[in-house]
C-alpha atoms as a PDB file:
ATOM      1  CA  MET A   1       0.061   0.027   0.085  1.00  0.00           C
ATOM      2  CA  GLU A   2       1.317   3.479  -1.002  1.00  0.00           C
ATOM      3  CA  THR A   3       2.124   5.562   1.949  1.00  0.00           C
ATOM      4  CA  ILE A   4       1.053   9.574   1.767  1.00  0.00           C
ATOM      5  CA  GLU A   5       4.368  10.245   1.710  1.00  0.00           C
ATOM      6  CA  ASP A   6       5.155   7.915  -1.254  1.00  0.00           C
ATOM      7  CA  LEU A   7       1.061   9.998  -2.943  1.00  0.00           C
ATOM      8  CA  LYS A   8       3.276  13.017  -2.052  1.00  0.00           C
ATOM      9  CA  LYS A   9       6.346  12.058  -4.360  1.00  0.00           C
ATOM     10  CA  THR A  10       3.893  10.784  -7.042  1.00  0.00           C
ATOM     11  CA  ILE A  11       1.772  13.942  -7.285  1.00  0.00           C
ATOM     12  CA  ARG A  12       5.146  16.760  -7.702  1.00  0.00           C
ATOM     13  CA  SER A  13       6.144  14.283 -10.298  1.00  0.00           C
ATOM     14  CA  THR A  14       3.146  13.837 -11.799  1.00  0.00           C
ATOM     15  CA  GLY A  15       3.202  18.122 -11.344  1.00  0.00           C
ATOM     16  CA  GLU A  16       6.664  18.479 -13.339  1.00  0.00           C
ATOM     17  CA  ILE A  17       5.437  16.038 -16.022  1.00  0.00           C
ATOM     18  CA  GLY A  18       2.255  18.373 -16.144  1.00  0.00           C
ATOM     19  CA  SER A  19       4.483  21.326 -16.365  1.00  0.00           C
ATOM     20  CA  VAL A  20       6.838  19.586 -18.883  1.00  0.00           C
ATOM     21  CA  VAL A  21       3.661  19.324 -21.204  1.00  0.00           C
ATOM     22  CA  ARG A  22       2.140  22.522 -21.003  1.00  0.00           C
ATOM     23  CA  THR A  23       5.765  24.655 -22.440  1.00  0.00           C
ATOM     24  CA  MET A  24       5.397  21.942 -25.221  1.00  0.00           C
ATOM     25  CA  LYS A  25       1.586  22.367 -25.810  1.00  0.00           C
ATOM     26  CA  ALA A  26       3.103  26.382 -25.976  1.00  0.00           C
ATOM     27  CA  LEU A  27       6.129  25.986 -28.462  1.00  0.00           C
ATOM     28  CA  ALA A  28       3.728  23.479 -30.179  1.00  0.00           C
ATOM     29  CA  ALA A  29       0.742  27.008 -30.047  1.00  0.00           C
ATOM     30  CA  VAL A  30       3.989  29.856 -31.409  1.00  0.00           C
ATOM     31  CA  ASN A  31       5.728  27.600 -33.844  1.00  0.00           C
ATOM     32  CA  ILE A  32       1.988  27.393 -35.789  1.00  0.00           C
ATOM     33  CA  ARG A  33       1.381  30.794 -35.762  1.00  0.00           C
ATOM     34  CA  GLN A  34       4.998  31.397 -37.169  1.00  0.00           C
ATOM     35  CA  TYR A  35       4.872  28.500 -39.993  1.00  0.00           C
ATOM     36  CA  THR A  36       1.155  30.018 -40.991  1.00  0.00           C
ATOM     37  CA  GLN A  37       2.776  33.328 -41.099  1.00  0.00           C
ATOM     38  CA  ALA A  38       5.150  32.113 -43.157  1.00  0.00           C
ATOM     39  CA  VAL A  39       2.790  30.326 -45.746  1.00  0.00           C
ATOM     40  CA  HIS A  40       0.670  33.133 -45.735  1.00  0.00           C
ATOM     41  CA  SER A  41       3.847  35.472 -46.473  1.00  0.00           C
ATOM     42  CA  LEU A  42       4.840  33.301 -49.318  1.00  0.00           C
ATOM     43  CA  ALA A  43       0.865  33.732 -51.062  1.00  0.00           C
ATOM     44  CA  ARG A  44       2.168  36.893 -52.104  1.00  0.00           C
ATOM     45  CA  TYR A  45       6.068  36.042 -53.625  1.00  0.00           C
ATOM     46  CA  ASN A  46       3.489  33.558 -55.376  1.00  0.00           C
ATOM     47  CA  ARG A  47       1.305  35.723 -56.664  1.00  0.00           C
ATOM     48  CA  ALA A  48       4.237  37.518 -57.404  1.00  0.00           C
ATOM     49  CA  VAL A  49       6.075  35.088 -59.519  1.00  0.00           C
ATOM     50  CA  GLU A  50       2.443  34.505 -60.858  1.00  0.00           C
ATOM     51  CA  LEU A  51       2.881  38.296 -62.517  1.00  0.00           C
ATOM     52  CA  ALA A  52       6.294  37.450 -63.401  1.00  0.00           C
ATOM     53  CA  LEU A  53       5.281  34.162 -65.609  1.00  0.00           C
ATOM     54  CA  LYS A  54       2.383  36.137 -66.906  1.00  0.00           C
ATOM     55  CA  ALA A  55       4.568  39.084 -68.290  1.00  0.00           C
ATOM     56  CA  ALA A  56       6.677  36.803 -69.738  1.00  0.00           C
ATOM     57  CA  LEU A  57       3.720  34.356 -71.361  1.00  0.00           C
ATOM     58  CA  ARG A  58       2.303  37.617 -72.913  1.00  0.00           C
ATOM     59  CA  ASN A  59       4.304  37.647 -76.272  1.00  0.00           C
ATOM     60  CA  ARG A  60       4.519  33.491 -76.323  1.00  0.00           C
ATOM     61  CA  PRO A  61       0.537  32.106 -77.371  1.00  0.00           C
ATOM     62  CA  GLY A  62       1.987  28.466 -78.597  1.00  0.00           C
ATOM     63  CA  LEU A  63       3.806  28.047 -75.886  1.00  0.00           C
ATOM     64  CA  SER A  64       3.549  23.659 -75.245  1.00  0.00           C
ATOM     65  CA  VAL A  65       4.500  22.389 -71.987  1.00  0.00           C
ATOM     66  CA  GLY A  66       4.416  18.804 -71.020  1.00  0.00           C
ATOM     67  CA  ALA A  67       1.266  17.335 -69.593  1.00  0.00           C
ATOM     68  CA  ARG A  68       1.513  16.451 -66.059  1.00  0.00           C
ATOM     69  CA  LYS A  69      -0.473  12.689 -67.336  1.00  0.00           C
ATOM     70  CA  ALA A  70       3.018  12.500 -70.530  1.00  0.00           C
ATOM     71  CA  PRO A  71       4.196   8.861 -69.742  1.00  0.00           C
ATOM     72  CA  ARG A  72       7.042   8.504 -66.897  1.00  0.00           C
ATOM     73  CA  GLU A  73      10.056   6.156 -67.334  1.00  0.00           C
ATOM     74  CA  ALA A  74      11.849   7.574 -63.513  1.00  0.00           C
ATOM     75  CA  MET A  75      10.097  10.039 -60.807  1.00  0.00           C
ATOM     76  CA  GLY A  76      11.672  11.548 -58.131  1.00  0.00           C
ATOM     77  CA  ALA A  77       9.534  11.733 -54.598  1.00  0.00           C
ATOM     78  CA  VAL A  78      10.003  13.914 -51.446  1.00  0.00           C
ATOM     79  CA  VAL A  79       8.499  12.540 -48.507  1.00  0.00           C
ATOM     80  CA  PHE A  80       8.719  14.684 -45.428  1.00  0.00           C
ATOM     81  CA  GLY A  81       8.509  13.734 -41.676  1.00  0.00           C
ATOM     82  CA  SER A  82       9.241  14.462 -38.610  1.00  0.00           C
ATOM     83  CA  ASP A  83      12.979  14.561 -37.021  1.00  0.00           C
ATOM     84  CA  MET A  84      11.226  14.674 -33.236  1.00  0.00           C
ATOM     85  CA  GLY A  85       8.254  12.427 -30.979  1.00  0.00           C
ATOM     86  CA  MET A  86       4.749  12.845 -29.781  1.00  0.00           C
ATOM     87  CA  ALA A  87       3.662  14.198 -33.031  1.00  0.00           C
ATOM     88  CA  GLY A  88       1.325  11.374 -34.039  1.00  0.00           C
ATOM     89  CA  GLN A  89       0.683   9.564 -36.622  1.00  0.00           C
ATOM     90  CA  LEU A  90       2.180  12.298 -38.543  1.00  0.00           C
ATOM     91  CA  ASN A  91       4.333  10.094 -40.253  1.00  0.00           C
ATOM     92  CA  GLU A  92       2.519   6.699 -40.329  1.00  0.00           C
ATOM     93  CA  ARG A  93      -0.576   8.496 -42.338  1.00  0.00           C
ATOM     94  CA  VAL A  94       2.148  10.701 -44.874  1.00  0.00           C
ATOM     95  CA  ILE A  95       4.503   7.704 -45.639  1.00  0.00           C
ATOM     96  CA  GLU A  96       1.215   5.835 -45.975  1.00  0.00           C
ATOM     97  CA  HIS A  97      -0.268   8.375 -48.464  1.00  0.00           C
ATOM     98  CA  ALA A  98       2.746   8.522 -50.155  1.00  0.00           C
ATOM     99  CA  PHE A  99       2.267   4.784 -50.975  1.00  0.00           C
ATOM    100  CA  SER A 100      -0.854   5.575 -52.757  1.00  0.00           C
ATOM    101  CA  GLU A 101      -0.010   7.416 -54.054  1.00  0.00           C
ATOM    102  CA  MET A 102       3.400   6.600 -56.001  1.00  0.00           C
ATOM    103  CA  GLU A 103       1.208   3.352 -57.334  1.00  0.00           C
ATOM    104  CA  ARG A 104      -0.822   6.034 -58.598  1.00  0.00           C
ATOM    105  CA  LEU A 105       1.525   8.390 -60.529  1.00  0.00           C
ATOM    106  CA  ARG A 106       4.072   5.928 -61.429  1.00  0.00           C
ATOM    107  CA  PRO A 107       3.841   3.458 -64.524  1.00  0.00           C
ATOM    108  CA  GLY A 108       4.630  -0.148 -63.696  1.00  0.00           C
ATOM    109  CA  ALA A 109       8.333  -1.176 -64.196  1.00  0.00           C
ATOM    110  CA  GLY A 110       9.617   2.651 -63.969  1.00  0.00           C
ATOM    111  CA  ASP A 111      12.281   4.055 -61.136  1.00  0.00           C
ATOM    112  CA  THR A 112      11.449   6.096 -58.202  1.00  0.00           C
ATOM    113  CA  MET A 113      14.388   8.385 -56.634  1.00  0.00           C
ATOM    114  CA  LEU A 114      13.427   8.818 -52.954  1.00  0.00           C
ATOM    115  CA  VAL A 115      14.544  11.520 -50.719  1.00  0.00           C
ATOM    116  CA  ALA A 116      13.228  12.489 -47.316  1.00  0.00           C
ATOM    117  CA  VAL A 117      12.132  15.216 -45.424  1.00  0.00           C
ATOM    118  CA  GLY A 118      12.976  13.362 -41.317  1.00  0.00           C
ATOM    119  CA  HIS A 119      14.676  10.980 -39.618  1.00  0.00           C
ATOM    120  CA  ARG A 120      11.561  10.036 -38.335  1.00  0.00           C
ATOM    121  CA  ALA A 121      10.127  10.098 -41.859  1.00  0.00           C
ATOM    122  CA  ALA A 122      13.072   7.992 -43.608  1.00  0.00           C
ATOM    123  CA  ASN A 123      13.472   5.322 -40.748  1.00  0.00           C
ATOM    124  CA  ARG A 124       9.742   4.037 -41.397  1.00  0.00           C
ATOM    125  CA  LEU A 125      10.210   4.754 -44.930  1.00  0.00           C
ATOM    126  CA  GLU A 126      13.920   1.646 -44.375  1.00  0.00           C
ATOM    127  CA  ASP A 127      11.245  -0.738 -42.710  1.00  0.00           C
ATOM    128  CA  ALA A 128       9.255  -0.648 -45.426  1.00  0.00           C
ATOM    129  CA  GLY A 129      11.693  -2.081 -47.966  1.00  0.00           C
ATOM    130  CA  LEU A 130      12.801   1.208 -49.198  1.00  0.00           C
ATOM    131  CA  ALA A 131      16.186   3.048 -50.691  1.00  0.00           C
ATOM    132  CA  LEU A 132      16.771   5.777 -49.925  1.00  0.00           C
ATOM    133  CA  GLU A 133      18.293   8.697 -52.151  1.00  0.00           C
ATOM    134  CA  GLN A 134      19.191  11.286 -49.551  1.00  0.00           C
ATOM    135  CA  VAL A 135      17.928  12.453 -46.062  1.00  0.00           C
ATOM    136  CA  PHE A 136      17.821  16.159 -45.168  1.00  0.00           C
ATOM    137  CA  PRO A 137      16.778  17.334 -41.465  1.00  0.00           C
ATOM    138  CA  VAL A 138      13.860  19.107 -40.563  1.00  0.00           C
ATOM    139  CA  PRO A 139      14.496  22.962 -40.577  1.00  0.00           C
ATOM    140  CA  GLY A 140      14.857  24.133 -36.728  1.00  0.00           C
ATOM    141  CA  GLY A 141      12.236  27.127 -38.211  1.00  0.00           C
ATOM    142  CA  VAL A 142      11.618  29.357 -40.150  1.00  0.00           C
ATOM    143  CA  GLU A 143      14.402  31.384 -40.743  1.00  0.00           C
ATOM    144  CA  GLY A 144      15.829  27.137 -41.467  1.00  0.00           C
ATOM    145  CA  ILE A 145      13.592  26.519 -44.353  1.00  0.00           C
ATOM    146  CA  THR A 146      15.450  28.666 -47.039  1.00  0.00           C
ATOM    147  CA  PRO A 147      19.118  26.715 -47.037  1.00  0.00           C
ATOM    148  CA  ALA A 148      17.148  23.956 -46.702  1.00  0.00           C
ATOM    149  CA  VAL A 149      15.106  24.760 -50.370  1.00  0.00           C
ATOM    150  CA  GLN A 150      17.993  25.398 -51.809  1.00  0.00           C
ATOM    151  CA  ASP A 151      19.733  21.865 -50.977  1.00  0.00           C
ATOM    152  CA  LEU A 152      16.809  20.316 -52.276  1.00  0.00           C
ATOM    153  CA  LEU A 153      16.686  22.099 -55.711  1.00  0.00           C
ATOM    154  CA  ASP A 154      19.648  20.981 -55.711  1.00  0.00           C
ATOM    155  CA  VAL A 155      19.412  17.273 -55.409  1.00  0.00           C
ATOM    156  CA  ILE A 156      16.290  18.064 -58.398  1.00  0.00           C
ATOM    157  CA  GLN A 157      18.465  19.627 -60.844  1.00  0.00           C
ATOM    158  CA  GLN A 158      20.545  16.327 -60.547  1.00  0.00           C
ATOM    159  CA  TRP A 159      18.001  14.573 -61.095  1.00  0.00           C
ATOM    160  CA  ASN A 160      17.455  16.324 -64.275  1.00  0.00           C
ATOM    161  CA  THR A 161      20.626  16.550 -65.435  1.00  0.00           C
ATOM    162  CA  ARG A 162      21.982  13.044 -64.643  1.00  0.00           C
ATOM    163  CA  LYS A 163      19.001  10.601 -64.477  1.00  0.00           C
ATOM    164  CA  ASN A 164      17.054  12.590 -67.130  1.00  0.00           C
ATOM    165  CA  ILE A 165      14.623  12.891 -64.730  1.00  0.00           C
ATOM    166  CA  THR A 166      11.582  15.603 -65.169  1.00  0.00           C
ATOM    167  CA  ALA A 167       8.616  14.723 -63.310  1.00  0.00           C
ATOM    168  CA  VAL A 168       8.994  15.525 -59.251  1.00  0.00           C
ATOM    169  CA  VAL A 169       6.037  15.637 -56.283  1.00  0.00           C
ATOM    170  CA  LEU A 170       6.412  16.120 -53.164  1.00  0.00           C
ATOM    171  CA  PHE A 171       4.431  14.262 -49.998  1.00  0.00           C
ATOM    172  CA  TYR A 172       3.621  16.386 -46.988  1.00  0.00           C
ATOM    173  CA  ALA A 173       1.309  17.309 -44.087  1.00  0.00           C
ATOM    174  CA  ARG A 174      -1.002  20.107 -44.628  1.00  0.00           C
ATOM    175  CA  PRO A 175      -2.265  21.554 -41.633  1.00  0.00           C
ATOM    176  CA  ARG A 176      -6.180  21.438 -40.996  1.00  0.00           C
ATOM    177  CA  GLY A 177      -7.335  24.112 -37.553  1.00  0.00           C
ATOM    178  CA  GLN A 178      -4.391  24.319 -34.831  1.00  0.00           C
ATOM    179  CA  SER A 179      -4.694  20.833 -34.566  1.00  0.00           C
ATOM    180  CA  SER A 180      -5.185  18.721 -37.503  1.00  0.00           C
ATOM    181  CA  PHE A 181      -3.518  17.901 -40.287  1.00  0.00           C
ATOM    182  CA  THR A 182      -3.819  16.216 -43.985  1.00  0.00           C
ATOM    183  CA  PRO A 183      -1.618  14.457 -46.184  1.00  0.00           C
ATOM    184  CA  THR A 184      -1.117  15.608 -49.320  1.00  0.00           C
ATOM    185  CA  THR A 185       0.519  15.596 -52.883  1.00  0.00           C
ATOM    186  CA  VAL A 186       1.634  18.054 -54.716  1.00  0.00           C
ATOM    187  CA  GLU A 187       3.068  17.553 -58.199  1.00  0.00           C
ATOM    188  CA  LEU A 188       5.537  19.930 -59.225  1.00  0.00           C
ATOM    189  CA  LEU A 189       7.162  18.531 -62.304  1.00  0.00           C
ATOM    190  CA  PRO A 190       6.202  19.167 -64.618  1.00  0.00           C
ATOM    191  CA  LEU A 191       4.557  22.168 -65.162  1.00  0.00           C
ATOM    192  CA  ASP A 192       0.966  22.147 -65.070  1.00  0.00           C
ATOM    193  CA  ARG A 193      -0.050  23.026 -68.480  1.00  0.00           C
ATOM    194  CA  ARG A 194      -3.194  24.467 -67.211  1.00  0.00           C
ATOM    195  CA  TRP A 195      -2.310  26.560 -64.718  1.00  0.00           C
ATOM    196  CA  LEU A 196      -0.150  28.538 -67.095  1.00  0.00           C
ATOM    197  CA  ASP A 197      -2.424  28.623 -68.779  1.00  0.00           C
ATOM    198  CA  ARG A 198      -4.370  30.608 -66.556  1.00  0.00           C
ATOM    199  CA  VAL A 199      -1.400  32.732 -66.029  1.00  0.00           C
ATOM    200  CA  ARG A 200      -1.534  33.419 -68.886  1.00  0.00           C
ATOM    201  CA  GLU A 201      -4.972  34.000 -70.266  1.00  0.00           C
ATOM    202  CA  GLU A 202      -5.645  36.403 -66.927  1.00  0.00           C
ATOM    203  CA  PRO A 203      -5.927  40.451 -67.235  1.00  0.00           C
ATOM    204  CA  TRP A 204      -3.288  42.354 -66.033  1.00  0.00           C
ATOM    205  CA  PRO A 205      -3.919  43.668 -63.295  1.00  0.00           C
ATOM    206  CA  THR A 206      -2.867  47.332 -65.247  1.00  0.00           C
ATOM    207  CA  LYS A 207      -3.497  49.836 -67.495  1.00  0.00           C
ATOM    208  CA  ALA A 208       0.676  49.691 -67.521  1.00  0.00           C
ATOM    209  CA  LEU A 209       1.375  47.116 -69.617  1.00  0.00           C
ATOM    210  CA  PRO A 210       5.523  44.852 -68.748  1.00  0.00           C
ATOM    211  CA  MET A 211       8.095  44.815 -70.445  1.00  0.00           C
ATOM    212  CA  LEU A 212      10.819  42.793 -70.201  1.00  0.00           C
ATOM    213  CA  GLY A 213      14.672  43.080 -69.521  1.00  0.00           C
ATOM    214  CA  MET A 214      15.918  40.201 -70.340  1.00  0.00           C
ATOM    215  CA  ASP A 215      15.932  37.375 -72.750  1.00  0.00           C
ATOM    216  CA  TRP A 216      12.844  35.234 -72.783  1.00  0.00           C
ATOM    217  CA  GLU A 217      14.600  31.708 -72.359  1.00  0.00           C
ATOM    218  CA  PRO A 218      17.413  32.904 -69.071  1.00  0.00           C
ATOM    219  CA  LEU A 219      13.848  34.894 -68.324  1.00  0.00           C
ATOM    220  CA  PHE A 220      11.528  32.264 -68.090  1.00  0.00           C
ATOM    221  CA  SER A 221      13.522  29.699 -66.227  1.00  0.00           C
ATOM    222  CA  SER A 222      14.724  32.164 -63.859  1.00  0.00           C
ATOM    223  CA  LEU A 223      10.989  31.482 -62.895  1.00  0.00           C
ATOM    224  CA  VAL A 224      10.546  27.925 -62.795  1.00  0.00           C
ATOM    225  CA  SER A 225      12.833  28.130 -60.679  1.00  0.00           C
ATOM    226  CA  GLU A 226      11.933  30.872 -58.549  1.00  0.00           C
ATOM    227  CA  TYR A 227       7.976  28.795 -58.653  1.00  0.00           C
ATOM    228  CA  LEU A 228       9.609  25.523 -57.872  1.00  0.00           C
ATOM    229  CA  PHE A 229      11.175  27.548 -54.529  1.00  0.00           C
ATOM    230  CA  ALA A 230       7.671  29.040 -53.710  1.00  0.00           C
ATOM    231  CA  GLY A 231       6.420  25.042 -54.019  1.00  0.00           C
ATOM    232  CA  LEU A 232       9.265  23.559 -51.516  1.00  0.00           C
ATOM    233  CA  PHE A 233       9.296  26.530 -49.023  1.00  0.00           C
ATOM    234  CA  ARG A 234       5.156  25.251 -48.698  1.00  0.00           C
ATOM    235  CA  ALA A 235       5.521  22.413 -48.848  1.00  0.00           C
ATOM    236  CA  PHE A 236       8.781  23.213 -45.795  1.00  0.00           C
ATOM    237  CA  ALA A 237       6.032  25.490 -43.758  1.00  0.00           C
ATOM    238  CA  ASP A 238       3.402  22.764 -44.243  1.00  0.00           C
ATOM    239  CA  SER A 239       4.758  20.153 -42.669  1.00  0.00           C
ATOM    240  CA  ALA A 240       6.186  21.783 -40.359  1.00  0.00           C
ATOM    241  CA  ALA A 241       3.346  23.709 -39.255  1.00  0.00           C
ATOM    242  CA  SER A 242       0.598  20.201 -39.155  1.00  0.00           C
ATOM    243  CA  GLU A 243       4.086  18.389 -37.146  1.00  0.00           C
ATOM    244  CA  ASN A 244       3.366  20.953 -34.316  1.00  0.00           C
ATOM    245  CA  ALA A 245      -0.707  20.822 -34.740  1.00  0.00           C
ATOM    246  CA  SER A 246      -0.806  16.957 -34.783  1.00  0.00           C
ATOM    247  CA  ARG A 247       1.863  17.167 -31.284  1.00  0.00           C
ATOM    248  CA  LEU A 248      -0.313  19.729 -29.913  1.00  0.00           C
ATOM    249  CA  ALA A 249      -3.101  18.029 -30.538  1.00  0.00           C
ATOM    250  CA  SER A 250      -1.395  15.036 -28.607  1.00  0.00           C
ATOM    251  CA  MET A 251      -0.270  17.127 -25.680  1.00  0.00           C
ATOM    252  CA  GLN A 252      -3.433  18.626 -25.379  1.00  0.00           C
ATOM    253  CA  GLY A 253      -4.742  14.982 -24.464  1.00  0.00           C
ATOM    254  CA  ALA A 254      -2.099  14.360 -22.394  1.00  0.00           C
ATOM    255  CA  GLU A 255      -2.346  17.931 -20.635  1.00  0.00           C
ATOM    256  CA  LYS A 256      -5.963  15.768 -19.994  1.00  0.00           C
ATOM    257  CA  ASN A 257      -5.031  12.808 -18.555  1.00  0.00           C
ATOM    258  CA  ILE A 258      -2.459  14.306 -15.943  1.00  0.00           C
ATOM    259  CA  ASP A 259      -5.036  16.327 -15.339  1.00  0.00           C
ATOM    260  CA  GLN A 260      -7.306  12.993 -14.270  1.00  0.00           C
ATOM    261  CA  LYS A 261      -4.125  11.533 -12.836  1.00  0.00           C
ATOM    262  CA  LEU A 262      -3.405  14.579 -10.632  1.00  0.00           C
ATOM    263  CA  ALA A 263      -7.249  15.106  -9.142  1.00  0.00           C
ATOM    264  CA  ASP A 264      -7.177  11.006  -8.310  1.00  0.00           C
ATOM    265  CA  LEU A 265      -4.108  10.345  -6.804  1.00  0.00           C
ATOM    266  CA  ASN A 266      -4.824  13.851  -4.185  1.00  0.00           C
ATOM    267  CA  ALA A 267      -8.481  11.920  -3.621  1.00  0.00           C
ATOM    268  CA  LYS A 268      -6.278   9.389  -3.027  1.00  0.00           C
ATOM    269  CA  TYR A 269      -4.312  11.272  -1.024  1.00  0.00           C
ATOM    270  CA  HIS A 270      -7.018  12.953   0.862  1.00  0.00           C
ATOM    271  CA  GLN A 271      -8.471   9.651   1.892  1.00  0.00           C
ATOM    272  CA  ARG A 272      -5.042   8.324   2.520  1.00  0.00           C
ATOM    273  CA  ARG A 273      -4.921  11.009   4.887  1.00  0.00           C
ATOM    274  CA  GLN A 274      -7.870  10.889   6.777  1.00  0.00           C
ATOM    275  CA  MET A 275      -7.791   7.374   7.388  1.00  0.00           C
ATOM    276  CA  THR A 276      -4.280   8.112   8.770  1.00  0.00           C
ATOM    277  CA  ILE A 277      -5.866  11.331  11.083  1.00  0.00           C
ATOM    278  CA  THR A 278      -8.486   8.362  11.430  1.00  0.00           C
ATOM    279  CA  GLU A 279      -6.717   5.343  12.599  1.00  0.00           C
ATOM    280  CA  GLU A 280      -4.784   7.746  14.787  1.00  0.00           C
ATOM    281  CA  LEU A 281      -7.649   9.248  16.931  1.00  0.00           C
ATOM    282  CA  LEU A 282      -8.412   5.650  17.039  1.00  0.00           C
ATOM    283  CA  ASP A 283      -5.044   4.638  18.867  1.00  0.00           C
ATOM    284  CA  ILE A 284      -5.581   7.290  21.163  1.00  0.00           C
ATOM    285  CA  VAL A 285      -8.772   6.899  22.113  1.00  0.00           C
ATOM    286  CA  SER A 286      -7.440   3.002  22.407  1.00  0.00           C
ATOM    287  CA  GLY A 287      -5.065   3.977  24.687  1.00  0.00           C
ATOM    288  CA  PHE A 288      -7.474   6.427  26.722  1.00  0.00           C
ATOM    289  CA  GLU A 289      -9.907   3.917  27.291  1.00  0.00           C
ATOM    290  CA  ALA A 290      -6.464   1.140  28.534  1.00  0.00           C
ATOM    291  CA  LEU A 291      -4.887   3.960  31.220  1.00  0.00           C
ATOM    292  CA  LYS A 292      -9.080   4.292  32.302  1.00  0.00           C
ATOM    293  CA  LYS A 293      -9.651   0.237  33.132  1.00  0.00           C
ATOM    294  CA  GLY A 294      -5.583   0.067  34.009  1.00  0.00           C
ATOM    295  CA  LYS A 295      -6.556   2.989  36.994  1.00  0.00           C
END
């Protein structure tokens, strides 16, 4: 049977765990806000890239870009997961989604060059028997996303130049509300012809028509690079926001369980303390009665 001192120690340690959980919950909420703000800022950046592409495509009505339904002999895939624990089912759900989507997107015998972001996701992919070409750590904050994007762009460039891979797909979690997420697929390359057509046909927002100040080929190539940068940046930011949303949900559940546990322990402690007081009173009364009989 637990003594009162044992219960005191258990209550103290449970309270300390609760304090850690509340701290992690607050950090997750702050991180969600930072990554969400980064995505909102990226929307304005992406709009500027679309306008620049529209200016470049104005005089190219016959420009043809490879459609996504064209046969692919090989495909590059990037799976975004987590490095840290207590992120709920994020890695499992994203990887399960990636398996399903790769079967749908990849032709029968086509090869898939696979890159993982996050060591926990990488471990699960390797446990499933998949070979990884490279593993990148999850950036520690918003400021670490840009260097990570540059590293991934280098990998995509190598896929294209050395292995003639023109199809690149991203699998990651997109946040939904403050404490949930949805696995999603983004076909980064080849460019979406319908999207380019929409950009080209959209009316120019001002009366001042744009003028190109450099040759068309390097300009279009630079704008495509900016488009790829924006797509990868959003994947990193959305994945990190989803990880923190999943962690926030886990911490909320843990906090609820800890509060219930503390309530049960405190009730048990007060009951045990009352029993001890009662036993002491009974001992005093018994001793008093024994003294009276002795006299």
